Amino acid sequence: MRIPVILLLICTGVAVYLARGSRRETNGRSRRPKAGNRDPGEGGLNRVLAAQLGRKTGIAEHRIFSVLEGAGDADLRGRIDDVLEHVTVTFSRRSAADTHKASLQIAYRDGSTVNVDYVAPWDQLPDEVRGEVLRTGKTECVRSWSAPWHNEVA
């Protein structure tokens, strides 16, 4: 009997996800990697967010992006924290199974909001999102985003 290819791909993906162990529970709290070791799948999200924050603050997008990717500019981190209230990201599978739409809902401390969509290839989704899709079969995953310096593990 032949195993359907899709079932084989799903099982392989789940095995890879479990083997990587990219997130671990510690003392009931979810541990994230240090900022310099963030999930490469967050790069696309960080680019879109950096562009929006650049428009809002007048700070060069490349400077914001480098901080979102883990650079240690404390002054810039503080300026971002001063304007950014919270970010929610919704990942939705598109009709082409290898792409997802990522919708960012960005709320600023001044009460304004911005909604931005972008298309993300499967391999550029955060590991956690890919794992959930493979594990549950969901077509939509919602995540709160937080700045890497708020998640650093000592």
N, C-alpha and C. Protein backbone atom coordinates (compact mmCIF):
# COMPACT_ATOMS: atom_id res chain seq x y z
N MET A 1 0.83 -1.18 0.00
CA MET A 1 0.00 0.00 0.00
C MET A 1 0.88 1.25 0.00
N ARG A 2 0.58 2.20 -0.85
CA ARG A 2 1.36 3.43 -0.94
C ARG A 2 0.81 4.46 0.03
N ILE A 3 1.73 5.14 0.73
CA ILE A 3 1.34 6.21 1.65
C ILE A 3 1.19 7.48 0.83
N PRO A 4 0.08 8.18 1.00
CA PRO A 4 -0.10 9.43 0.26
C PRO A 4 1.06 10.39 0.55
N VAL A 5 1.51 11.06 -0.47
CA VAL A 5 2.65 11.97 -0.37
C VAL A 5 2.41 13.05 0.67
N ILE A 6 1.21 13.59 0.72
CA ILE A 6 0.94 14.67 1.67
C ILE A 6 1.09 14.19 3.11
N LEU A 7 0.64 12.96 3.39
CA LEU A 7 0.78 12.41 4.73
C LEU A 7 2.26 12.23 5.08
N LEU A 8 3.03 11.78 4.14
CA LEU A 8 4.47 11.63 4.34
C LEU A 8 5.13 12.97 4.62
N LEU A 9 4.76 14.01 3.86
CA LEU A 9 5.31 15.35 4.08
C LEU A 9 4.92 15.90 5.45
N ILE A 10 3.69 15.70 5.84
CA ILE A 10 3.24 16.18 7.15
C ILE A 10 4.01 15.48 8.27
N CYS A 11 4.14 14.18 8.18
CA CYS A 11 4.88 13.44 9.21
C CYS A 11 6.34 13.87 9.27
N THR A 12 6.94 14.10 8.12
CA THR A 12 8.33 14.56 8.09
C THR A 12 8.45 15.94 8.73
N GLY A 13 7.53 16.83 8.41
CA GLY A 13 7.55 18.17 8.99
C GLY A 13 7.39 18.14 10.50
N VAL A 14 6.47 17.33 10.99
CA VAL A 14 6.27 17.21 12.44
C VAL A 14 7.54 16.65 13.10
N ALA A 15 8.14 15.65 12.49
CA ALA A 15 9.36 15.07 13.05
C ALA A 15 10.48 16.09 13.12
N VAL A 16 10.64 16.88 12.06
CA VAL A 16 11.68 17.92 12.05
C VAL A 16 11.39 18.95 13.13
N TYR A 17 10.14 19.36 13.24
CA TYR A 17 9.77 20.35 14.25
C TYR A 17 10.09 19.83 15.66
N LEU A 18 9.68 18.62 15.93
CA LEU A 18 9.92 18.06 17.26
C LEU A 18 11.41 17.86 17.53
N ALA A 19 12.15 17.48 16.51
CA ALA A 19 13.59 17.26 16.68
C ALA A 19 14.33 18.56 16.96
N ARG A 20 13.87 19.65 16.35
CA ARG A 20 14.54 20.94 16.55
C ARG A 20 14.35 21.47 17.95
N GLY A 21 13.17 21.25 18.52
CA GLY A 21 12.92 21.75 19.87
C GLY A 21 13.21 23.23 20.00
N SER A 22 12.71 24.03 19.05
CA SER A 22 13.06 25.45 19.03
C SER A 22 12.49 26.23 20.20
N ARG A 23 11.47 25.72 20.85
CA ARG A 23 10.93 26.40 22.02
C ARG A 23 10.81 25.37 23.14
N ARG A 24 11.17 25.77 24.32
CA ARG A 24 11.11 24.88 25.47
C ARG A 24 10.35 25.57 26.58
N GLU A 25 9.70 24.79 27.41
CA GLU A 25 9.02 25.35 28.57
C GLU A 25 9.99 25.30 29.75
N THR A 26 10.07 26.41 30.47
CA THR A 26 10.92 26.49 31.64
C THR A 26 10.15 27.20 32.74
N ASN A 27 9.96 26.54 33.86
CA ASN A 27 9.24 27.12 34.99
C ASN A 27 7.88 27.67 34.58
N GLY A 28 7.20 26.99 33.66
CA GLY A 28 5.88 27.42 33.24
C GLY A 28 5.89 28.59 32.26
N ARG A 29 7.06 29.09 31.93
CA ARG A 29 7.16 30.22 30.99
C ARG A 29 7.81 29.73 29.71
N SER A 30 7.34 30.25 28.61
CA SER A 30 7.90 29.89 27.33
C SER A 30 9.22 30.63 27.13
N ARG A 31 10.27 29.89 26.84
CA ARG A 31 11.57 30.51 26.60
C ARG A 31 11.74 30.78 25.14
N ARG A 32 12.24 31.94 24.82
CA ARG A 32 12.59 32.28 23.44
C ARG A 32 14.10 32.35 23.38
N PRO A 33 14.65 32.12 22.20
CA PRO A 33 16.10 32.26 22.06
C PRO A 33 16.52 33.70 22.31
N LYS A 34 17.78 33.89 22.64
CA LYS A 34 18.31 35.24 22.77
C LYS A 34 18.11 35.96 21.45
N ALA A 35 18.09 37.28 21.50
CA ALA A 35 17.76 38.09 20.32
C ALA A 35 18.62 37.73 19.12
N GLY A 36 19.88 37.45 19.31
CA GLY A 36 20.77 37.14 18.19
C GLY A 36 20.47 35.81 17.55
N ASN A 37 19.65 34.98 18.21
CA ASN A 37 19.34 33.64 17.71
C ASN A 37 17.87 33.51 17.36
N ARG A 38 17.23 34.59 16.98
CA ARG A 38 15.81 34.54 16.68
C ARG A 38 15.55 33.69 15.44
N ASP A 39 14.33 33.20 15.37
CA ASP A 39 13.86 32.39 14.27
C ASP A 39 14.02 33.16 12.95
N PRO A 40 14.74 32.59 11.96
CA PRO A 40 14.91 33.30 10.70
C PRO A 40 13.59 33.57 9.99
N GLY A 41 12.54 32.84 10.32
CA GLY A 41 11.23 33.07 9.73
C GLY A 41 10.63 34.39 10.13
N GLU A 42 11.17 35.03 11.15
CA GLU A 42 10.65 36.32 11.59
C GLU A 42 11.22 37.48 10.77
N GLY A 43 12.17 37.22 9.90
CA GLY A 43 12.80 38.28 9.12
C GLY A 43 11.83 39.06 8.25
N GLY A 44 10.91 38.37 7.56
CA GLY A 44 9.93 39.06 6.72
C GLY A 44 9.01 39.92 7.55
N LEU A 45 8.55 39.40 8.66
CA LEU A 45 7.70 40.16 9.56
C LEU A 45 8.45 41.39 10.07
N ASN A 46 9.71 41.21 10.46
CA ASN A 46 10.50 42.33 10.96
C ASN A 46 10.73 43.40 9.90
N ARG A 47 10.87 43.00 8.65
CA ARG A 47 11.03 43.99 7.56
C ARG A 47 9.78 44.85 7.41
N VAL A 48 8.62 44.20 7.42
CA VAL A 48 7.37 44.93 7.28
C VAL A 48 7.16 45.85 8.48
N LEU A 49 7.42 45.34 9.67
CA LEU A 49 7.25 46.14 10.88
C LEU A 49 8.24 47.31 10.91
N ALA A 50 9.47 47.07 10.49
CA ALA A 50 10.48 48.15 10.45
C ALA A 50 10.04 49.26 9.50
N ALA A 51 9.46 48.89 8.36
CA ALA A 51 8.97 49.90 7.41
C ALA A 51 7.88 50.75 8.04
N GLN A 52 6.95 50.12 8.73
CA GLN A 52 5.86 50.85 9.37
C GLN A 52 6.37 51.74 10.51
N LEU A 53 7.26 51.19 11.33
CA LEU A 53 7.83 51.98 12.42
C LEU A 53 8.66 53.15 11.89
N GLY A 54 9.35 52.94 10.78
CA GLY A 54 10.12 54.01 10.15
C GLY A 54 9.22 55.15 9.71
N ARG A 55 8.07 54.80 9.12
CA ARG A 55 7.11 55.83 8.71
C ARG A 55 6.57 56.59 9.91
N LYS A 56 6.31 55.87 10.98
CA LYS A 56 5.72 56.48 12.17
C LYS A 56 6.71 57.38 12.90
N THR A 57 7.98 56.95 12.98
CA THR A 57 8.95 57.65 13.82
C THR A 57 9.91 58.55 13.06
N GLY A 58 10.05 58.33 11.75
CA GLY A 58 11.04 59.08 10.98
C GLY A 58 12.45 58.50 11.12
N ILE A 59 12.57 57.37 11.79
CA ILE A 59 13.86 56.70 11.95
C ILE A 59 14.10 55.82 10.72
N ALA A 60 15.34 55.76 10.27
CA ALA A 60 15.67 54.97 9.08
C ALA A 60 15.25 53.50 9.28
N GLU A 61 14.56 52.99 8.27
CA GLU A 61 14.05 51.61 8.32
C GLU A 61 15.16 50.59 8.60
N HIS A 62 16.33 50.76 7.98
CA HIS A 62 17.40 49.78 8.17
C HIS A 62 17.90 49.77 9.62
N ARG A 63 17.86 50.90 10.29
CA ARG A 63 18.26 50.94 11.70
C ARG A 63 17.25 50.19 12.57
N ILE A 64 15.97 50.41 12.30
CA ILE A 64 14.93 49.72 13.07
C ILE A 64 15.02 48.22 12.80
N PHE A 65 15.18 47.84 11.54
CA PHE A 65 15.27 46.42 11.20
C PHE A 65 16.42 45.75 11.94
N SER A 66 17.58 46.40 12.00
CA SER A 66 18.72 45.78 12.67
C SER A 66 18.44 45.57 14.16
N VAL A 67 17.72 46.51 14.78
CA VAL A 67 17.36 46.34 16.19
C VAL A 67 16.34 45.21 16.35
N LEU A 68 15.37 45.14 15.46
CA LEU A 68 14.38 44.06 15.53
C LEU A 68 15.02 42.69 15.31
N GLU A 69 16.13 42.67 14.59
CA GLU A 69 16.86 41.43 14.35
C GLU A 69 17.86 41.11 15.47
N GLY A 70 17.97 42.01 16.46
CA GLY A 70 18.79 41.69 17.62
C GLY A 70 19.94 42.63 17.92
N ALA A 71 20.15 43.68 17.13
CA ALA A 71 21.22 44.63 17.43
C ALA A 71 20.92 45.31 18.77
N GLY A 72 21.96 45.71 19.47
CA GLY A 72 21.80 46.19 20.84
C GLY A 72 21.77 47.69 21.03
N ASP A 73 21.07 48.44 20.20
CA ASP A 73 20.99 49.89 20.33
C ASP A 73 19.90 50.24 21.35
N ALA A 74 20.32 50.48 22.60
CA ALA A 74 19.37 50.70 23.70
C ALA A 74 18.51 51.95 23.47
N ASP A 75 19.10 53.01 22.92
CA ASP A 75 18.32 54.23 22.68
C ASP A 75 17.20 53.98 21.66
N LEU A 76 17.53 53.26 20.59
CA LEU A 76 16.53 52.98 19.57
C LEU A 76 15.46 52.03 20.11
N ARG A 77 15.88 51.06 20.91
CA ARG A 77 14.90 50.17 21.55
C ARG A 77 13.90 50.99 22.37
N GLY A 78 14.41 51.94 23.12
CA GLY A 78 13.54 52.78 23.94
C GLY A 78 12.58 53.60 23.10
N ARG A 79 13.06 54.13 21.99
CA ARG A 79 12.20 54.93 21.11
C ARG A 79 11.09 54.07 20.51
N ILE A 80 11.43 52.83 20.15
CA ILE A 80 10.41 51.91 19.61
C ILE A 80 9.39 51.60 20.70
N ASP A 81 9.86 51.30 21.91
CA ASP A 81 8.94 51.02 23.02
C ASP A 81 8.03 52.21 23.32
N ASP A 82 8.55 53.42 23.12
CA ASP A 82 7.75 54.63 23.39
C ASP A 82 6.58 54.79 22.43
N VAL A 83 6.69 54.28 21.21
CA VAL A 83 5.61 54.47 20.23
C VAL A 83 4.76 53.22 20.00
N LEU A 84 5.29 52.04 20.25
CA LEU A 84 4.60 50.80 19.89
C LEU A 84 3.84 50.24 21.08
N GLU A 85 2.54 50.08 20.92
CA GLU A 85 1.69 49.50 21.97
C GLU A 85 1.73 47.97 21.88
N HIS A 86 1.27 47.42 20.75
CA HIS A 86 1.32 45.97 20.54
C HIS A 86 1.11 45.64 19.06
N VAL A 87 1.51 44.41 18.72
CA VAL A 87 1.38 43.91 17.35
C VAL A 87 0.77 42.52 17.41
N THR A 88 -0.24 42.30 16.59
CA THR A 88 -0.83 40.98 16.44
C THR A 88 -0.64 40.56 14.99
N VAL A 89 -0.23 39.32 14.79
CA VAL A 89 -0.01 38.81 13.44
C VAL A 89 -0.92 37.60 13.22
N THR A 90 -1.64 37.63 12.11
CA THR A 90 -2.49 36.51 11.72
C THR A 90 -1.91 35.91 10.45
N PHE A 91 -1.56 34.63 10.53
CA PHE A 91 -1.05 33.90 9.37
C PHE A 91 -2.19 33.07 8.81
N SER A 92 -2.52 33.27 7.53
CA SER A 92 -3.63 32.56 6.89
C SER A 92 -3.12 31.87 5.63
N ARG A 93 -3.45 30.59 5.49
CA ARG A 93 -3.04 29.86 4.30
C ARG A 93 -3.78 30.39 3.10
N ARG A 94 -3.05 30.61 2.02
CA ARG A 94 -3.65 31.05 0.76
C ARG A 94 -4.00 29.82 -0.05
N SER A 95 -4.66 30.02 -1.19
CA SER A 95 -5.07 28.88 -2.01
C SER A 95 -3.86 28.07 -2.46
N ALA A 96 -2.73 28.74 -2.71
CA ALA A 96 -1.50 28.01 -3.00
C ALA A 96 -0.93 27.55 -1.66
N ALA A 97 -0.85 26.25 -1.44
CA ALA A 97 -0.50 25.71 -0.13
C ALA A 97 0.89 26.13 0.34
N ASP A 98 1.73 26.58 -0.56
CA ASP A 98 3.09 26.93 -0.16
C ASP A 98 3.25 28.40 0.22
N THR A 99 2.16 29.15 0.28
CA THR A 99 2.24 30.55 0.71
C THR A 99 1.17 30.85 1.75
N HIS A 100 1.47 31.80 2.59
CA HIS A 100 0.54 32.26 3.61
C HIS A 100 0.46 33.79 3.56
N LYS A 101 -0.68 34.32 3.92
CA LYS A 101 -0.81 35.76 4.07
C LYS A 101 -0.55 36.07 5.54
N ALA A 102 0.33 37.02 5.78
CA ALA A 102 0.58 37.48 7.14
C ALA A 102 -0.04 38.86 7.26
N SER A 103 -0.96 39.01 8.20
CA SER A 103 -1.62 40.29 8.43
C SER A 103 -1.17 40.83 9.78
N LEU A 104 -0.54 41.99 9.74
CA LEU A 104 -0.08 42.64 10.98
C LEU A 104 -1.09 43.70 11.38
N GLN A 105 -1.49 43.69 12.62
CA GLN A 105 -2.31 44.74 13.19
C GLN A 105 -1.41 45.44 14.20
N ILE A 106 -0.97 46.64 13.86
CA ILE A 106 -0.01 47.39 14.66
C ILE A 106 -0.76 48.50 15.39
N ALA A 107 -0.67 48.50 16.71
CA ALA A 107 -1.30 49.54 17.53
C ALA A 107 -0.20 50.40 18.15
N TYR A 108 -0.34 51.69 18.00
CA TYR A 108 0.63 52.64 18.57
C TYR A 108 0.07 53.25 19.85
N ARG A 109 0.97 53.73 20.68
CA ARG A 109 0.59 54.31 21.97
C ARG A 109 -0.26 55.57 21.82
N ASP A 110 -0.18 56.23 20.68
CA ASP A 110 -1.00 57.44 20.47
C ASP A 110 -2.43 57.11 20.06
N GLY A 111 -2.77 55.82 20.02
CA GLY A 111 -4.12 55.39 19.69
C GLY A 111 -4.33 55.05 18.22
N SER A 112 -3.38 55.37 17.36
CA SER A 112 -3.53 55.04 15.95
C SER A 112 -3.18 53.57 15.70
N THR A 113 -3.71 53.04 14.62
CA THR A 113 -3.44 51.65 14.24
C THR A 113 -3.14 51.58 12.75
N VAL A 114 -2.42 50.53 12.37
CA VAL A 114 -2.11 50.27 10.97
C VAL A 114 -2.28 48.77 10.75
N ASN A 115 -2.90 48.42 9.63
CA ASN A 115 -3.02 47.02 9.22
C ASN A 115 -2.24 46.84 7.93
N VAL A 116 -1.36 45.85 7.92
CA VAL A 116 -0.51 45.59 6.77
C VAL A 116 -0.51 44.10 6.47
N ASP A 117 -0.66 43.75 5.20
CA ASP A 117 -0.61 42.36 4.76
C ASP A 117 0.62 42.15 3.89
N TYR A 118 1.19 40.95 3.98
CA TYR A 118 2.23 40.56 3.04
C TYR A 118 2.16 39.05 2.84
N VAL A 119 2.70 38.58 1.74
CA VAL A 119 2.69 37.15 1.43
C VAL A 119 4.02 36.55 1.88
N ALA A 120 3.92 35.45 2.60
CA ALA A 120 5.11 34.78 3.12
C ALA A 120 5.16 33.35 2.59
N PRO A 121 6.25 32.97 1.93
CA PRO A 121 6.42 31.57 1.54
C PRO A 121 6.48 30.68 2.79
N TRP A 122 6.07 29.46 2.65
CA TRP A 122 6.04 28.50 3.76
C TRP A 122 7.35 28.48 4.54
N ASP A 123 8.48 28.44 3.84
CA ASP A 123 9.77 28.31 4.53
C ASP A 123 10.19 29.60 5.22
N GLN A 124 9.44 30.69 5.04
CA GLN A 124 9.76 31.94 5.73
C GLN A 124 8.80 32.24 6.88
N LEU A 125 7.91 31.29 7.18
CA LEU A 125 7.06 31.45 8.35
C LEU A 125 7.87 31.10 9.60
N PRO A 126 7.55 31.72 10.72
CA PRO A 126 8.23 31.32 11.96
C PRO A 126 8.05 29.83 12.24
N ASP A 127 9.06 29.21 12.81
CA ASP A 127 9.02 27.78 13.10
C ASP A 127 7.77 27.38 13.89
N GLU A 128 7.42 28.19 14.87
CA GLU A 128 6.27 27.90 15.72
C GLU A 128 4.98 27.82 14.90
N VAL A 129 4.83 28.70 13.94
CA VAL A 129 3.63 28.72 13.10
C VAL A 129 3.60 27.50 12.19
N ARG A 130 4.73 27.20 11.55
CA ARG A 130 4.77 26.00 10.70
C ARG A 130 4.45 24.75 11.50
N GLY A 131 5.00 24.67 12.71
CA GLY A 131 4.73 23.52 13.57
C GLY A 131 3.26 23.38 13.91
N GLU A 132 2.61 24.50 14.22
CA GLU A 132 1.19 24.45 14.55
C GLU A 132 0.36 24.03 13.35
N VAL A 133 0.68 24.56 12.18
CA VAL A 133 -0.05 24.19 10.97
C VAL A 133 0.09 22.69 10.71
N LEU A 134 1.31 22.17 10.84
CA LEU A 134 1.53 20.74 10.60
C LEU A 134 0.85 19.88 11.66
N ARG A 135 0.90 20.31 12.90
CA ARG A 135 0.33 19.55 14.00
C ARG A 135 -1.19 19.54 13.98
N THR A 136 -1.80 20.68 13.70
CA THR A 136 -3.24 20.81 13.86
C THR A 136 -4.02 20.85 12.55
N GLY A 137 -3.35 21.18 11.46
CA GLY A 137 -4.05 21.32 10.18
C GLY A 137 -4.81 22.63 10.06
N LYS A 138 -4.63 23.55 11.01
CA LYS A 138 -5.31 24.85 10.95
C LYS A 138 -4.89 25.62 9.71
N THR A 139 -5.80 26.45 9.22
CA THR A 139 -5.47 27.31 8.09
C THR A 139 -5.16 28.73 8.55
N GLU A 140 -5.34 29.00 9.86
CA GLU A 140 -5.06 30.33 10.39
C GLU A 140 -4.43 30.22 11.77
N CYS A 141 -3.38 30.98 12.00
CA CYS A 141 -2.70 31.04 13.29
C CYS A 141 -2.54 32.50 13.68
N VAL A 142 -2.88 32.83 14.91
CA VAL A 142 -2.78 34.20 15.40
C VAL A 142 -1.71 34.24 16.49
N ARG A 143 -0.83 35.22 16.38
CA ARG A 143 0.26 35.38 17.34
C ARG A 143 0.39 36.83 17.76
N SER A 144 0.73 37.04 19.02
CA SER A 144 1.15 38.36 19.47
C SER A 144 2.64 38.45 19.23
N TRP A 145 3.07 39.58 18.72
CA TRP A 145 4.50 39.81 18.49
C TRP A 145 5.02 40.67 19.62
N SER A 146 6.23 40.39 20.04
CA SER A 146 6.87 41.28 21.02
C SER A 146 8.31 41.49 20.59
N ALA A 147 8.83 42.64 20.95
CA ALA A 147 10.19 43.00 20.58
C ALA A 147 11.18 41.99 21.17
N PRO A 148 12.24 41.68 20.44
CA PRO A 148 13.18 40.66 20.91
C PRO A 148 13.80 40.97 22.26
N TRP A 149 13.99 42.25 22.58
CA TRP A 149 14.62 42.58 23.86
C TRP A 149 13.68 42.33 25.04
N HIS A 150 12.40 42.12 24.77
CA HIS A 150 11.47 41.77 25.85
C HIS A 150 11.44 40.27 26.09
N ASN A 151 12.07 39.50 25.22
CA ASN A 151 12.04 38.04 25.30
C ASN A 151 13.42 37.44 25.57
N GLU A 152 14.42 38.26 25.78
CA GLU A 152 15.77 37.74 25.93
C GLU A 152 15.87 36.86 27.18
N VAL A 153 16.60 35.78 27.02
CA VAL A 153 16.84 34.87 28.11
C VAL A 153 18.26 35.08 28.59
N ALA A 154 18.42 35.25 29.86
CA ALA A 154 19.75 35.50 30.41
C ALA A 154 20.63 34.28 30.36
